[in-house]
Amino acid sequence: MTTIYFIRHAQPDFTVQDDASRPLSVKGRADTVLVTEYLKDKDIQEVLSSPFIRAIDTVKDFAVRIGLSVKTIYDFRERKVDSRWIEDFTAFSKKQWVDFEYKLTEGESLREVQERNTRALEAILLEYEGKNIVIGTHGTALSTIINYYDNTYGYEDFNSMRGLMPWIVRMRFDGTRCLEIEKINILQDKN
């Protein structure tokens, strides 16, 4: 059995509009301690991440604590929305969840994000079979992975987790077959 702990990044600094280099906010940096605390007794053997700074920085404290480096996997990056900032992200998100093929001119559809992320996940499941793994990720990318294994997960589920940063989803696999999905709100105990 392989166990993957997907860690949706902590709160980013939204004043930085560049997706790849957007750092964590002060609150986000403080909340990475919650991630480390949650993961400390999970016998993690590998720490992987999207190449985006906020995802790496959310799992870096934990990786350093257990003596591992964070390996970046390019295909775990977040969805590219467009080459410009989207003011009404809610309306855009709804359109994408209604039509998995919908995308802006220079962006990705949810189908493309899902295919890219699940292809990367399946490669990880083969390479690290039987291990406990952490993957630093993003809300939309993670939501498309959940939807792939549980097609009842849709826009309302995505919308309800949008404010949860960090957020953890534990998935257990037998080979590449998903056996269990557990959503964990580590912020709940903090408040």
N, C-alpha and C. Protein backbone atom coordinates (compact mmCIF):
# COMPACT_ATOMS: atom_id res chain seq x y z
N MET A 1 0.84 -1.18 0.00
CA MET A 1 0.00 0.00 0.00
C MET A 1 0.88 1.25 0.00
N THR A 2 0.54 2.19 -0.85
CA THR A 2 1.24 3.48 -0.93
C THR A 2 0.29 4.54 -0.37
N THR A 3 0.83 5.38 0.49
CA THR A 3 0.02 6.47 1.05
C THR A 3 0.61 7.80 0.60
N ILE A 4 -0.24 8.61 0.00
CA ILE A 4 0.17 9.94 -0.45
C ILE A 4 -0.54 10.97 0.42
N TYR A 5 0.24 11.90 0.97
CA TYR A 5 -0.32 13.04 1.68
C TYR A 5 -0.15 14.26 0.78
N PHE A 6 -1.24 14.65 0.13
CA PHE A 6 -1.21 15.87 -0.68
C PHE A 6 -1.37 17.05 0.27
N ILE A 7 -0.46 17.99 0.19
CA ILE A 7 -0.51 19.17 1.04
C ILE A 7 -0.79 20.38 0.16
N ARG A 8 -2.02 20.86 0.25
CA ARG A 8 -2.34 22.09 -0.48
C ARG A 8 -1.62 23.23 0.26
N HIS A 9 -0.93 24.06 -0.48
CA HIS A 9 -0.08 25.10 0.10
C HIS A 9 -0.80 25.97 1.13
N ALA A 10 -0.03 26.55 2.02
CA ALA A 10 -0.54 27.50 3.01
C ALA A 10 -0.89 28.82 2.29
N GLN A 11 -1.41 29.76 3.04
CA GLN A 11 -1.89 31.02 2.47
C GLN A 11 -0.77 31.77 1.74
N PRO A 12 -0.99 32.10 0.46
CA PRO A 12 0.02 32.85 -0.29
C PRO A 12 -0.15 34.36 -0.13
N ASP A 13 0.85 35.06 -0.59
CA ASP A 13 0.81 36.52 -0.62
C ASP A 13 0.17 36.91 -1.96
N PHE A 14 -1.11 37.24 -1.93
CA PHE A 14 -1.86 37.52 -3.16
C PHE A 14 -1.46 38.83 -3.82
N THR A 15 -0.61 39.62 -3.18
CA THR A 15 -0.15 40.85 -3.84
C THR A 15 0.84 40.52 -4.97
N VAL A 16 1.40 39.32 -4.93
CA VAL A 16 2.30 38.87 -6.00
C VAL A 16 1.46 38.11 -7.01
N GLN A 17 1.35 38.65 -8.22
CA GLN A 17 0.48 38.05 -9.22
C GLN A 17 1.14 36.95 -10.04
N ASP A 18 2.46 36.86 -10.04
CA ASP A 18 3.13 35.80 -10.78
C ASP A 18 2.92 34.47 -10.05
N ASP A 19 2.26 33.54 -10.71
CA ASP A 19 1.86 32.28 -10.09
C ASP A 19 3.06 31.46 -9.59
N ALA A 20 4.09 31.33 -10.40
CA ALA A 20 5.21 30.47 -10.04
C ALA A 20 6.03 31.01 -8.87
N SER A 21 6.15 32.32 -8.76
CA SER A 21 7.00 32.89 -7.72
C SER A 21 6.22 33.46 -6.53
N ARG A 22 4.90 33.30 -6.51
CA ARG A 22 4.09 33.83 -5.41
C ARG A 22 4.50 33.14 -4.10
N PRO A 23 4.98 33.92 -3.13
CA PRO A 23 5.44 33.33 -1.86
C PRO A 23 4.27 33.14 -0.89
N LEU A 24 4.57 32.57 0.25
CA LEU A 24 3.59 32.48 1.32
C LEU A 24 3.47 33.82 2.02
N SER A 25 2.30 34.09 2.57
CA SER A 25 2.10 35.28 3.40
C SER A 25 2.73 35.02 4.77
N VAL A 26 2.72 36.01 5.62
CA VAL A 26 3.23 35.83 6.99
C VAL A 26 2.42 34.74 7.69
N LYS A 27 1.10 34.77 7.56
CA LYS A 27 0.25 33.72 8.14
C LYS A 27 0.58 32.36 7.53
N GLY A 28 0.76 32.33 6.21
CA GLY A 28 1.09 31.08 5.53
C GLY A 28 2.37 30.47 6.05
N ARG A 29 3.40 31.31 6.23
CA ARG A 29 4.67 30.80 6.77
C ARG A 29 4.49 30.24 8.17
N ALA A 30 3.69 30.91 8.98
CA ALA A 30 3.43 30.43 10.34
C ALA A 30 2.67 29.10 10.31
N ASP A 31 1.73 28.96 9.38
CA ASP A 31 0.92 27.74 9.31
C ASP A 31 1.67 26.52 8.81
N THR A 32 2.86 26.70 8.23
CA THR A 32 3.63 25.52 7.80
C THR A 32 4.00 24.65 9.00
N VAL A 33 4.05 25.25 10.18
CA VAL A 33 4.32 24.48 11.40
C VAL A 33 3.21 23.45 11.64
N LEU A 34 1.98 23.79 11.30
CA LEU A 34 0.86 22.85 11.43
C LEU A 34 1.06 21.64 10.53
N VAL A 35 1.59 21.88 9.34
CA VAL A 35 1.86 20.79 8.41
C VAL A 35 2.94 19.87 9.00
N THR A 36 4.02 20.46 9.49
CA THR A 36 5.10 19.68 10.09
C THR A 36 4.58 18.87 11.27
N GLU A 37 3.80 19.50 12.12
CA GLU A 37 3.25 18.83 13.30
C GLU A 37 2.37 17.64 12.90
N TYR A 38 1.52 17.84 11.89
CA TYR A 38 0.64 16.76 11.44
C TYR A 38 1.44 15.59 10.86
N LEU A 39 2.47 15.89 10.09
CA LEU A 39 3.20 14.84 9.37
C LEU A 39 4.28 14.13 10.19
N LYS A 40 4.64 14.68 11.33
CA LYS A 40 5.83 14.22 12.06
C LYS A 40 5.84 12.73 12.40
N ASP A 41 4.69 12.12 12.59
CA ASP A 41 4.66 10.70 12.96
C ASP A 41 4.10 9.80 11.85
N LYS A 42 4.16 10.26 10.62
CA LYS A 42 3.57 9.52 9.50
C LYS A 42 4.58 8.65 8.73
N ASP A 43 5.81 8.55 9.20
CA ASP A 43 6.84 7.71 8.56
C ASP A 43 6.99 8.03 7.06
N ILE A 44 7.18 9.30 6.78
CA ILE A 44 7.31 9.77 5.39
C ILE A 44 8.70 9.44 4.86
N GLN A 45 8.76 8.87 3.64
CA GLN A 45 10.04 8.53 3.03
C GLN A 45 10.45 9.45 1.88
N GLU A 46 9.49 10.18 1.32
CA GLU A 46 9.80 11.08 0.20
C GLU A 46 8.96 12.35 0.33
N VAL A 47 9.56 13.48 -0.04
CA VAL A 47 8.84 14.75 -0.08
C VAL A 47 9.00 15.33 -1.48
N LEU A 48 7.88 15.45 -2.17
CA LEU A 48 7.85 15.96 -3.54
C LEU A 48 6.99 17.23 -3.55
N SER A 49 7.09 18.00 -4.61
CA SER A 49 6.29 19.21 -4.67
C SER A 49 6.16 19.72 -6.10
N SER A 50 5.10 20.49 -6.29
CA SER A 50 5.00 21.37 -7.44
C SER A 50 6.23 22.27 -7.42
N PRO A 51 6.67 22.79 -8.55
CA PRO A 51 7.82 23.69 -8.54
C PRO A 51 7.49 25.11 -8.09
N PHE A 52 6.23 25.41 -7.81
CA PHE A 52 5.84 26.76 -7.41
C PHE A 52 6.27 27.01 -5.97
N ILE A 53 6.79 28.20 -5.71
CA ILE A 53 7.40 28.55 -4.43
C ILE A 53 6.48 28.28 -3.24
N ARG A 54 5.22 28.66 -3.33
CA ARG A 54 4.33 28.50 -2.17
C ARG A 54 4.12 27.03 -1.81
N ALA A 55 4.11 26.15 -2.79
CA ALA A 55 3.96 24.71 -2.52
C ALA A 55 5.23 24.16 -1.87
N ILE A 56 6.38 24.51 -2.43
CA ILE A 56 7.66 24.06 -1.87
C ILE A 56 7.80 24.55 -0.43
N ASP A 57 7.56 25.83 -0.21
CA ASP A 57 7.76 26.41 1.12
C ASP A 57 6.79 25.85 2.16
N THR A 58 5.66 25.33 1.74
CA THR A 58 4.70 24.74 2.68
C THR A 58 5.22 23.41 3.23
N VAL A 59 5.97 22.66 2.45
CA VAL A 59 6.47 21.35 2.91
C VAL A 59 7.95 21.36 3.28
N LYS A 60 8.63 22.47 3.02
CA LYS A 60 10.09 22.52 3.24
C LYS A 60 10.48 22.35 4.71
N ASP A 61 9.77 23.01 5.62
CA ASP A 61 10.09 22.89 7.04
C ASP A 61 10.03 21.43 7.48
N PHE A 62 8.99 20.72 7.05
CA PHE A 62 8.87 19.30 7.40
C PHE A 62 10.02 18.50 6.80
N ALA A 63 10.31 18.72 5.53
CA ALA A 63 11.39 17.97 4.87
C ALA A 63 12.72 18.17 5.60
N VAL A 64 13.03 19.40 5.93
CA VAL A 64 14.28 19.70 6.63
C VAL A 64 14.31 18.99 7.98
N ARG A 65 13.19 19.00 8.69
CA ARG A 65 13.12 18.36 10.00
C ARG A 65 13.44 16.88 9.95
N ILE A 66 13.02 16.20 8.87
CA ILE A 66 13.28 14.76 8.80
C ILE A 66 14.49 14.42 7.92
N GLY A 67 15.21 15.46 7.50
CA GLY A 67 16.45 15.22 6.77
C GLY A 67 16.29 14.86 5.30
N LEU A 68 15.21 15.30 4.69
CA LEU A 68 14.99 15.04 3.26
C LEU A 68 15.01 16.36 2.49
N SER A 69 15.30 16.26 1.22
CA SER A 69 15.17 17.43 0.36
C SER A 69 13.81 17.36 -0.33
N VAL A 70 13.34 18.50 -0.80
CA VAL A 70 12.08 18.55 -1.54
C VAL A 70 12.42 18.39 -3.02
N LYS A 71 11.90 17.33 -3.62
CA LYS A 71 12.10 17.09 -5.05
C LYS A 71 10.93 17.70 -5.80
N THR A 72 11.21 18.55 -6.78
CA THR A 72 10.12 19.18 -7.53
C THR A 72 9.74 18.35 -8.75
N ILE A 73 8.45 18.28 -8.98
CA ILE A 73 7.88 17.58 -10.13
C ILE A 73 7.09 18.62 -10.92
N TYR A 74 7.59 18.96 -12.08
CA TYR A 74 7.01 20.05 -12.89
C TYR A 74 5.52 19.84 -13.17
N ASP A 75 5.11 18.60 -13.43
CA ASP A 75 3.72 18.35 -13.79
C ASP A 75 2.74 18.49 -12.63
N PHE A 76 3.23 18.66 -11.40
CA PHE A 76 2.33 18.91 -10.28
C PHE A 76 2.02 20.39 -10.10
N ARG A 77 2.48 21.22 -11.03
CA ARG A 77 2.21 22.67 -10.91
C ARG A 77 0.71 22.94 -11.01
N GLU A 78 0.35 24.15 -10.59
CA GLU A 78 -1.04 24.57 -10.64
C GLU A 78 -1.45 24.86 -12.09
N ARG A 79 -2.74 24.90 -12.28
CA ARG A 79 -3.30 25.20 -13.60
C ARG A 79 -2.89 26.60 -14.05
N LYS A 80 -2.58 26.71 -15.33
CA LYS A 80 -2.34 28.04 -15.90
C LYS A 80 -3.70 28.59 -16.31
N VAL A 81 -4.06 29.72 -15.70
CA VAL A 81 -5.35 30.34 -15.97
C VAL A 81 -5.30 31.10 -17.29
N ASP A 82 -4.31 31.97 -17.44
CA ASP A 82 -4.12 32.78 -18.64
C ASP A 82 -2.83 33.55 -18.44
N SER A 83 -2.48 34.39 -19.39
CA SER A 83 -1.28 35.21 -19.23
C SER A 83 -1.60 36.52 -18.51
N ARG A 84 -2.87 36.70 -18.14
CA ARG A 84 -3.27 37.91 -17.42
C ARG A 84 -4.00 37.51 -16.14
N TRP A 85 -4.06 38.43 -15.19
CA TRP A 85 -4.74 38.23 -13.91
C TRP A 85 -6.25 38.19 -14.15
N ILE A 86 -6.95 37.26 -13.53
CA ILE A 86 -8.40 37.12 -13.68
C ILE A 86 -9.08 37.78 -12.48
N GLU A 87 -9.87 38.81 -12.74
CA GLU A 87 -10.54 39.54 -11.66
C GLU A 87 -11.67 38.72 -11.03
N ASP A 88 -12.51 38.09 -11.85
CA ASP A 88 -13.64 37.32 -11.32
C ASP A 88 -13.30 35.83 -11.39
N PHE A 89 -12.48 35.41 -10.43
CA PHE A 89 -12.01 34.03 -10.41
C PHE A 89 -13.16 33.05 -10.14
N THR A 90 -14.15 33.46 -9.36
CA THR A 90 -15.28 32.59 -9.05
C THR A 90 -16.05 32.22 -10.30
N ALA A 91 -16.39 33.20 -11.12
CA ALA A 91 -17.13 32.93 -12.36
C ALA A 91 -16.31 32.05 -13.30
N PHE A 92 -15.01 32.35 -13.39
CA PHE A 92 -14.12 31.54 -14.22
C PHE A 92 -14.09 30.09 -13.74
N SER A 93 -13.93 29.90 -12.43
CA SER A 93 -13.88 28.55 -11.86
C SER A 93 -15.17 27.77 -12.13
N LYS A 94 -16.30 28.43 -11.95
CA LYS A 94 -17.59 27.76 -12.20
C LYS A 94 -17.66 27.28 -13.64
N LYS A 95 -17.26 28.13 -14.58
CA LYS A 95 -17.29 27.73 -16.00
C LYS A 95 -16.41 26.50 -16.23
N GLN A 96 -15.24 26.48 -15.59
CA GLN A 96 -14.34 25.35 -15.79
C GLN A 96 -14.91 24.06 -15.20
N TRP A 97 -15.56 24.15 -14.05
CA TRP A 97 -16.11 22.94 -13.43
C TRP A 97 -17.34 22.43 -14.17
N VAL A 98 -18.07 23.32 -14.83
CA VAL A 98 -19.21 22.90 -15.63
C VAL A 98 -18.73 22.24 -16.92
N ASP A 99 -17.65 22.78 -17.49
CA ASP A 99 -17.10 22.28 -18.75
C ASP A 99 -15.60 22.05 -18.57
N PHE A 100 -15.20 20.81 -18.34
CA PHE A 100 -13.79 20.48 -18.09
C PHE A 100 -12.87 20.82 -19.26
N GLU A 101 -13.45 21.13 -20.42
CA GLU A 101 -12.65 21.50 -21.59
C GLU A 101 -12.47 23.02 -21.72
N TYR A 102 -13.22 23.81 -20.93
CA TYR A 102 -13.20 25.27 -21.03
C TYR A 102 -11.85 25.83 -20.57
N LYS A 103 -11.32 26.76 -21.35
CA LYS A 103 -10.09 27.44 -20.98
C LYS A 103 -10.01 28.78 -21.69
N LEU A 104 -9.20 29.66 -21.13
CA LEU A 104 -8.94 30.94 -21.76
C LEU A 104 -7.84 30.74 -22.80
N THR A 105 -7.62 31.74 -23.61
CA THR A 105 -6.72 31.63 -24.76
C THR A 105 -5.35 31.05 -24.41
N GLU A 106 -4.74 31.53 -23.33
CA GLU A 106 -3.40 31.06 -22.99
C GLU A 106 -3.39 30.22 -21.72
N GLY A 107 -4.53 29.62 -21.39
CA GLY A 107 -4.63 28.84 -20.17
C GLY A 107 -4.84 27.37 -20.44
N GLU A 108 -5.07 26.64 -19.35
CA GLU A 108 -5.32 25.20 -19.41
C GLU A 108 -6.75 24.90 -18.99
N SER A 109 -7.32 23.87 -19.57
CA SER A 109 -8.62 23.38 -19.12
C SER A 109 -8.40 22.49 -17.90
N LEU A 110 -9.47 22.25 -17.15
CA LEU A 110 -9.35 21.33 -16.01
C LEU A 110 -9.00 19.93 -16.49
N ARG A 111 -9.48 19.54 -17.65
CA ARG A 111 -9.12 18.22 -18.20
C ARG A 111 -7.61 18.13 -18.42
N GLU A 112 -7.01 19.18 -18.99
CA GLU A 112 -5.56 19.17 -19.21
C GLU A 112 -4.80 19.11 -17.88
N VAL A 113 -5.27 19.86 -16.90
CA VAL A 113 -4.62 19.85 -15.58
C VAL A 113 -4.75 18.47 -14.95
N GLN A 114 -5.95 17.91 -15.04
CA GLN A 114 -6.19 16.58 -14.47
C GLN A 114 -5.31 15.52 -15.13
N GLU A 115 -5.24 15.53 -16.44
CA GLU A 115 -4.41 14.54 -17.15
C GLU A 115 -2.94 14.69 -16.78
N ARG A 116 -2.46 15.91 -16.71
CA ARG A 116 -1.06 16.16 -16.36
C ARG A 116 -0.75 15.69 -14.94
N ASN A 117 -1.62 16.05 -14.00
CA ASN A 117 -1.40 15.70 -12.60
C ASN A 117 -1.56 14.20 -12.34
N THR A 118 -2.55 13.56 -12.93
CA THR A 118 -2.74 12.13 -12.69
C THR A 118 -1.64 11.31 -13.38
N ARG A 119 -1.16 11.77 -14.51
CA ARG A 119 -0.03 11.09 -15.17
C ARG A 119 1.21 11.16 -14.27
N ALA A 120 1.46 12.33 -13.68
CA ALA A 120 2.60 12.47 -12.76
C ALA A 120 2.39 11.61 -11.52
N LEU A 121 1.17 11.58 -11.00
CA LEU A 121 0.88 10.77 -9.82
C LEU A 121 1.09 9.29 -10.10
N GLU A 122 0.62 8.81 -11.23
CA GLU A 122 0.79 7.39 -11.55
C GLU A 122 2.27 7.03 -11.68
N ALA A 123 3.07 7.92 -12.21
CA ALA A 123 4.52 7.66 -12.28
C ALA A 123 5.11 7.58 -10.87
N ILE A 124 4.67 8.45 -9.98
CA ILE A 124 5.14 8.44 -8.59
C ILE A 124 4.72 7.15 -7.90
N LEU A 125 3.48 6.72 -8.14
CA LEU A 125 2.99 5.49 -7.51
C LEU A 125 3.80 4.28 -7.95
N LEU A 126 4.25 4.26 -9.18
CA LEU A 126 5.08 3.16 -9.66
C LEU A 126 6.50 3.25 -9.10
N GLU A 127 7.05 4.45 -9.08
CA GLU A 127 8.43 4.63 -8.61
C GLU A 127 8.59 4.43 -7.11
N TYR A 128 7.61 4.86 -6.34
CA TYR A 128 7.71 4.82 -4.88
C TYR A 128 6.67 3.88 -4.25
N GLU A 129 6.36 2.80 -4.93
CA GLU A 129 5.34 1.87 -4.45
C GLU A 129 5.65 1.40 -3.02
N GLY A 130 4.60 1.41 -2.18
CA GLY A 130 4.73 0.93 -0.82
C GLY A 130 5.27 1.96 0.17
N LYS A 131 5.51 3.18 -0.29
CA LYS A 131 6.07 4.22 0.59
C LYS A 131 5.00 5.21 1.03
N ASN A 132 5.35 6.00 2.03
CA ASN A 132 4.54 7.12 2.47
C ASN A 132 5.18 8.39 1.93
N ILE A 133 4.40 9.15 1.16
CA ILE A 133 4.94 10.26 0.39
C ILE A 133 4.14 11.53 0.66
N VAL A 134 4.84 12.65 0.72
CA VAL A 134 4.22 13.97 0.79
C VAL A 134 4.36 14.63 -0.58
N ILE A 135 3.28 15.25 -1.05
CA ILE A 135 3.34 16.02 -2.30
C ILE A 135 2.76 17.41 -2.04
N GLY A 136 3.59 18.44 -2.15
CA GLY A 136 3.13 19.83 -2.04
C GLY A 136 2.40 20.20 -3.31
N THR A 137 1.19 20.71 -3.17
CA THR A 137 0.36 20.95 -4.35
C THR A 137 -0.51 22.20 -4.19
N HIS A 138 -1.52 22.29 -5.04
CA HIS A 138 -2.39 23.47 -5.16
C HIS A 138 -3.85 23.05 -5.14
N GLY A 139 -4.72 24.01 -4.85
CA GLY A 139 -6.15 23.72 -4.73
C GLY A 139 -6.79 23.15 -5.97
N THR A 140 -6.59 23.78 -7.11
CA THR A 140 -7.23 23.30 -8.34
C THR A 140 -6.59 22.00 -8.80
N ALA A 141 -5.28 21.94 -8.79
CA ALA A 141 -4.59 20.71 -9.21
C ALA A 141 -5.05 19.53 -8.36
N LEU A 142 -5.07 19.72 -7.05
CA LEU A 142 -5.49 18.65 -6.14
C LEU A 142 -6.95 18.29 -6.37
N SER A 143 -7.79 19.28 -6.58
CA SER A 143 -9.22 19.01 -6.82
C SER A 143 -9.44 18.17 -8.07
N THR A 144 -8.65 18.40 -9.10
CA THR A 144 -8.81 17.59 -10.32
C THR A 144 -8.34 16.16 -10.08
N ILE A 145 -7.36 15.97 -9.22
CA ILE A 145 -6.92 14.61 -8.87
C ILE A 145 -8.02 13.90 -8.10
N ILE A 146 -8.59 14.58 -7.11
CA ILE A 146 -9.69 13.98 -6.34
C ILE A 146 -10.83 13.61 -7.28
N ASN A 147 -11.19 14.53 -8.20
CA ASN A 147 -12.27 14.29 -9.15
C ASN A 147 -11.99 13.08 -10.03
N TYR A 148 -10.75 12.86 -10.38
CA TYR A 148 -10.38 11.71 -11.23
C TYR A 148 -10.74 10.40 -10.53
N TYR A 149 -10.50 10.32 -9.23
CA TYR A 149 -10.76 9.09 -8.48
C TYR A 149 -12.16 9.06 -7.87
N ASP A 150 -12.81 10.21 -7.76
CA ASP A 150 -14.17 10.31 -7.23
C ASP A 150 -14.91 11.37 -8.03
N ASN A 151 -15.61 10.94 -9.08
CA ASN A 151 -16.22 11.91 -10.00
C ASN A 151 -17.41 12.66 -9.40
N THR A 152 -17.78 12.38 -8.15
CA THR A 152 -18.81 13.18 -7.49
C THR A 152 -18.23 14.48 -6.94
N TYR A 153 -16.90 14.57 -6.86
CA TYR A 153 -16.24 15.78 -6.38
C TYR A 153 -16.32 16.83 -7.49
N GLY A 154 -17.01 17.95 -7.21
CA GLY A 154 -17.21 18.97 -8.23
C GLY A 154 -16.99 20.38 -7.71
N TYR A 155 -17.63 21.33 -8.37
CA TYR A 155 -17.40 22.74 -8.05
C TYR A 155 -17.72 23.07 -6.60
N GLU A 156 -18.82 22.58 -6.07
CA GLU A 156 -19.19 22.90 -4.68
C GLU A 156 -18.12 22.42 -3.71
N ASP A 157 -17.57 21.24 -3.96
CA ASP A 157 -16.49 20.71 -3.11
C ASP A 157 -15.25 21.60 -3.25
N PHE A 158 -14.90 21.93 -4.49
CA PHE A 158 -13.76 22.80 -4.75
C PHE A 158 -13.96 24.14 -4.05
N ASN A 159 -15.14 24.72 -4.18
CA ASN A 159 -15.41 26.02 -3.60
C ASN A 159 -15.35 25.99 -2.07
N SER A 160 -15.79 24.88 -1.48
CA SER A 160 -15.79 24.79 -0.01
C SER A 160 -14.39 24.67 0.56
N MET A 161 -13.42 24.24 -0.23
CA MET A 161 -12.05 24.13 0.27
C MET A 161 -11.16 25.30 -0.14
N ARG A 162 -11.69 26.24 -0.93
CA ARG A 162 -10.87 27.34 -1.45
C ARG A 162 -10.17 28.13 -0.35
N GLY A 163 -10.81 28.30 0.79
CA GLY A 163 -10.21 29.06 1.87
C GLY A 163 -9.34 28.24 2.81
N LEU A 164 -9.26 26.93 2.59
CA LEU A 164 -8.47 26.06 3.46
C LEU A 164 -7.02 26.00 2.97
N MET A 165 -6.17 26.71 3.65
CA MET A 165 -4.75 26.76 3.28
C MET A 165 -3.93 26.81 4.57
N PRO A 166 -3.18 25.80 4.89
CA PRO A 166 -2.98 24.54 4.17
C PRO A 166 -4.16 23.58 4.37
N TRP A 167 -4.21 22.59 3.50
CA TRP A 167 -5.25 21.56 3.53
C TRP A 167 -4.58 20.26 3.13
N ILE A 168 -4.96 19.18 3.77
CA ILE A 168 -4.33 17.89 3.51
C ILE A 168 -5.36 16.89 3.01
N VAL A 169 -4.98 16.14 2.00
CA VAL A 169 -5.79 15.03 1.51
C VAL A 169 -4.89 13.80 1.50
N ARG A 170 -5.32 12.79 2.27
CA ARG A 170 -4.56 11.53 2.30
C ARG A 170 -5.25 10.54 1.36
N MET A 171 -4.47 9.98 0.45
CA MET A 171 -4.99 8.98 -0.48
C MET A 171 -4.15 7.71 -0.33
N ARG A 172 -4.83 6.58 -0.28
CA ARG A 172 -4.15 5.29 -0.18
C ARG A 172 -4.38 4.52 -1.47
N PHE A 173 -3.31 3.88 -1.93
CA PHE A 173 -3.33 3.19 -3.22
C PHE A 173 -2.81 1.77 -3.09
N ASP A 174 -3.41 0.90 -3.87
CA ASP A 174 -2.88 -0.44 -4.10
C ASP A 174 -2.43 -0.41 -5.56
N GLY A 175 -1.13 -0.35 -5.77
CA GLY A 175 -0.63 -0.10 -7.13
C GLY A 175 -1.06 1.30 -7.54
N THR A 176 -1.81 1.39 -8.64
CA THR A 176 -2.33 2.70 -9.07
C THR A 176 -3.83 2.83 -8.81
N ARG A 177 -4.38 1.86 -8.09
CA ARG A 177 -5.82 1.89 -7.77
C ARG A 177 -6.04 2.59 -6.44
N CYS A 178 -6.84 3.66 -6.46
CA CYS A 178 -7.13 4.42 -5.25
C CYS A 178 -8.12 3.65 -4.39
N LEU A 179 -7.75 3.42 -3.13
CA LEU A 179 -8.61 2.71 -2.20
C LEU A 179 -9.37 3.64 -1.26
N GLU A 180 -8.76 4.79 -0.96
CA GLU A 180 -9.35 5.66 0.06
C GLU A 180 -8.90 7.10 -0.16
N ILE A 181 -9.82 8.02 0.08
CA ILE A 181 -9.53 9.45 0.05
C ILE A 181 -10.04 10.04 1.36
N GLU A 182 -9.15 10.66 2.13
CA GLU A 182 -9.55 11.31 3.37
C GLU A 182 -9.12 12.77 3.32
N LYS A 183 -10.07 13.66 3.56
CA LYS A 183 -9.79 15.11 3.56
C LYS A 183 -9.58 15.56 5.01
N ILE A 184 -8.48 16.26 5.27
CA ILE A 184 -8.09 16.61 6.63
C ILE A 184 -7.91 18.12 6.74
N ASN A 185 -8.70 18.73 7.60
CA ASN A 185 -8.63 20.17 7.82
C ASN A 185 -7.78 20.42 9.07
N ILE A 186 -6.48 20.66 8.90
CA ILE A 186 -5.60 20.86 10.06
C ILE A 186 -5.80 22.23 10.69
N LEU A 187 -6.49 23.13 10.01
CA LEU A 187 -6.77 24.45 10.59
C LEU A 187 -7.89 24.39 11.62
N GLN A 188 -8.72 23.35 11.53
CA GLN A 188 -9.86 23.20 12.41
C GLN A 188 -9.42 23.16 13.89
N ASP A 189 -8.38 22.42 14.18
CA ASP A 189 -7.90 22.29 15.56
C ASP A 189 -7.23 23.57 16.06
N LYS A 190 -6.74 24.39 15.12
CA LYS A 190 -6.03 25.60 15.48
C LYS A 190 -6.97 26.70 15.96
N ASN A 191 -8.16 26.76 15.36
CA ASN A 191 -9.11 27.85 15.65
C ASN A 191 -9.85 27.65 16.95
